[in-house]
Amino acid sequence: MDLLRVQFVLLCGTSKPGEKNVIAGIFLTHGMLGEAIFKTTEFIMGKQTDLYYLSNVNSTPQLLYQKLLQLVDQPPYPEDGAIIMVCLKGGNTWHVACKVAHERPHVRVISGLNLAMAFSLLTKRDKFPYYQLVQILKQDSCRNIDIFPKNS
């Protein structure tokens, strides 16, 4: 567990009618990228709940898989949803995340984790269900990729 550098914020209970959804955001990355994005979002936006990071450092795909299941299966995520954000499509983190999403209908996976995606998650997750939010995250993260000067 310590090898994965997991930031746990455990919740008790589920969201009730009239309460906001509690969509889990999980940064699953190579190296320390997830931790860096996690700490940067907290530095800019303050402490966040329902936000986690896992790294493949000193871990196996099987151990990452087990830790992801522990996160996405805890209440209230089976009801409200979880989005796993990986750094690179096609890598071992991607494959592990996709395996979890295949087995858990309340989980979605998106690749290309960047700060824009993280900020979009944190500012919009109480406004949209997880299955719509993942499309918004893709749009927002791509919209923040640009070239300067424009005629380059």
Protein backbone atom coordinates (compact mmCIF):
# COMPACT_ATOMS: atom_id res chain seq x y z
CA MET A 1 0.00 0.00 0.00
CA ASP A 2 2.76 2.48 0.90
CA LEU A 3 4.61 1.59 -2.27
CA LEU A 4 1.84 3.08 -4.35
CA ARG A 5 1.89 6.42 -2.59
CA VAL A 6 -1.87 6.46 -2.25
CA GLN A 7 -3.66 9.50 -0.93
CA PHE A 8 -6.79 8.17 0.74
CA VAL A 9 -9.69 10.30 1.82
CA LEU A 10 -12.27 7.79 3.00
CA LEU A 11 -15.94 8.63 2.96
CA CYS A 12 -18.79 7.03 4.84
CA GLY A 13 -22.21 6.69 3.27
CA THR A 14 -23.53 7.68 -0.13
CA SER A 15 -24.96 10.85 -1.59
CA LYS A 16 -28.66 11.33 -0.92
CA PRO A 17 -31.31 12.93 -3.14
CA GLY A 18 -30.62 16.65 -3.32
CA GLU A 19 -26.94 16.20 -2.47
CA LYS A 20 -24.19 16.62 -5.02
CA ASN A 21 -22.67 13.61 -6.71
CA VAL A 22 -19.39 12.37 -5.33
CA ILE A 23 -17.39 11.39 -8.39
CA ALA A 24 -13.98 10.00 -7.58
CA GLY A 25 -11.02 11.28 -9.55
CA ILE A 26 -8.04 8.92 -9.70
CA PHE A 27 -4.71 9.89 -11.26
CA LEU A 28 -3.00 6.66 -12.33
CA THR A 29 0.38 7.49 -13.79
CA HIS A 30 3.91 6.49 -14.58
CA GLY A 31 6.48 7.81 -12.13
CA MET A 32 5.50 10.67 -9.89
CA LEU A 33 3.37 12.57 -12.41
CA GLY A 34 0.08 11.85 -10.63
CA GLU A 35 1.45 13.02 -7.30
CA ALA A 36 2.78 16.22 -8.90
CA ILE A 37 -0.57 17.01 -10.51
CA PHE A 38 -2.38 16.14 -7.27
CA LYS A 39 -0.16 18.49 -5.25
CA THR A 40 -0.39 21.25 -7.86
CA THR A 41 -4.19 21.15 -7.88
CA GLU A 42 -4.22 21.32 -4.08
CA PHE A 43 -1.75 24.21 -4.15
CA ILE A 44 -3.99 26.19 -6.52
CA MET A 45 -7.48 25.06 -5.46
CA GLY A 46 -7.00 23.95 -1.86
CA LYS A 47 -7.54 20.51 -0.32
CA GLN A 48 -9.84 18.24 -2.30
CA THR A 49 -11.91 15.24 -1.31
CA ASP A 50 -12.46 12.19 -3.49
CA LEU A 51 -9.21 12.76 -5.36
CA TYR A 52 -6.50 10.10 -5.37
CA TYR A 53 -3.24 9.26 -7.07
CA LEU A 54 -1.53 5.97 -7.76
CA SER A 55 1.86 5.37 -9.36
CA ASN A 56 3.34 2.36 -11.08
CA VAL A 57 6.64 2.98 -9.26
CA ASN A 58 7.65 -0.14 -7.32
CA SER A 59 4.38 -1.79 -8.27
CA THR A 60 3.09 -4.53 -10.49
CA PRO A 61 0.02 -4.37 -12.72
CA GLN A 62 -1.68 -6.85 -10.37
CA LEU A 63 -1.08 -4.64 -7.34
CA LEU A 64 -2.30 -1.52 -9.20
CA TYR A 65 -5.40 -3.44 -10.21
CA GLN A 66 -6.12 -4.44 -6.60
CA LYS A 67 -5.65 -0.86 -5.34
CA LEU A 68 -7.91 0.53 -8.06
CA LEU A 69 -10.63 -1.94 -7.14
CA GLN A 70 -10.35 -0.91 -3.48
CA LEU A 71 -10.85 2.72 -4.47
CA VAL A 72 -13.68 2.37 -6.98
CA ASP A 73 -15.65 -0.14 -4.91
CA GLN A 74 -15.86 1.99 -1.77
CA PRO A 75 -19.10 3.92 -1.22
CA PRO A 76 -20.34 6.20 -2.69
CA TYR A 77 -18.46 5.58 -5.95
CA PRO A 78 -20.49 2.59 -7.17
CA GLU A 79 -23.50 4.93 -7.20
CA ASP A 80 -21.87 8.22 -8.24
CA GLY A 81 -19.05 7.01 -10.47
CA ALA A 82 -15.28 7.17 -10.74
CA ILE A 83 -13.01 8.51 -13.46
CA ILE A 84 -9.50 7.12 -13.79
CA MET A 85 -7.17 9.55 -15.55
CA VAL A 86 -4.00 7.98 -16.95
CA CYS A 87 -0.99 9.75 -18.39
CA LEU A 88 -0.45 7.63 -21.49
CA LYS A 89 -2.78 5.52 -23.61
CA GLY A 90 -1.38 2.08 -24.27
CA GLY A 91 0.91 1.82 -21.25
CA ASN A 92 0.48 -0.53 -18.32
CA THR A 93 -1.49 2.07 -16.36
CA TRP A 94 -3.93 2.34 -19.28
CA HIS A 95 -4.37 -1.41 -19.52
CA VAL A 96 -4.94 -1.83 -15.78
CA ALA A 97 -7.45 1.04 -15.71
CA CYS A 98 -9.33 -0.35 -18.72
CA LYS A 99 -9.54 -3.78 -17.07
CA VAL A 100 -11.16 -2.18 -14.01
CA ALA A 101 -13.56 -0.14 -16.17
CA HIS A 102 -14.50 -3.26 -18.11
CA GLU A 103 -15.45 -4.99 -14.86
CA ARG A 104 -17.07 -1.99 -13.14
CA PRO A 105 -19.79 -0.17 -15.11
CA HIS A 106 -19.49 2.92 -12.91
CA VAL A 107 -15.86 3.54 -13.95
CA ARG A 108 -14.59 5.47 -16.97
CA VAL A 109 -10.98 5.86 -18.16
CA ILE A 110 -9.43 8.80 -19.98
CA SER A 111 -5.84 9.21 -21.13
CA GLY A 112 -3.70 12.33 -21.49
CA LEU A 113 -3.84 13.54 -17.90
CA ASN A 114 -2.79 17.18 -17.63
CA LEU A 115 -3.58 20.09 -15.33
CA ALA A 116 -6.42 21.30 -17.53
CA MET A 117 -8.10 17.90 -17.21
CA ALA A 118 -7.59 17.87 -13.45
CA PHE A 119 -9.02 21.37 -13.01
CA SER A 120 -11.98 20.53 -15.23
CA LEU A 121 -12.73 17.47 -13.11
CA LEU A 122 -12.58 19.41 -9.86
CA THR A 123 -14.73 22.31 -11.07
CA LYS A 124 -17.36 20.31 -12.95
CA ARG A 125 -17.76 16.94 -11.20
CA ASP A 126 -20.67 18.17 -9.09
CA LYS A 127 -22.53 19.36 -12.20
CA PHE A 128 -22.48 16.31 -14.48
CA PRO A 129 -22.80 12.53 -14.14
CA TYR A 130 -19.50 10.66 -14.60
CA TYR A 131 -20.42 9.26 -18.02
CA GLN A 132 -20.95 12.82 -19.38
CA LEU A 133 -18.12 14.38 -17.42
CA VAL A 134 -15.49 12.16 -19.06
CA GLN A 135 -16.38 13.67 -22.48
CA ILE A 136 -16.13 17.18 -21.03
CA LEU A 137 -12.71 16.37 -19.57
CA LYS A 138 -11.48 15.30 -22.99
CA GLN A 139 -12.74 18.50 -24.62
CA ASP A 140 -11.36 20.77 -21.89
CA SER A 141 -7.91 19.16 -21.80
CA CYS A 142 -7.56 19.33 -25.60
CA ARG A 143 -8.82 22.92 -25.72
CA ASN A 144 -5.91 23.91 -23.48
CA ILE A 145 -3.30 22.61 -25.92
CA ASP A 146 -2.17 25.39 -28.22
CA ILE A 147 0.73 26.73 -30.27
CA PHE A 148 2.27 30.18 -30.13
CA PRO A 149 2.75 31.99 -32.40
CA LYS A 150 -0.27 30.79 -34.34
CA ASN A 151 1.48 30.69 -37.73
CA SER A 152 4.24 28.33 -36.52
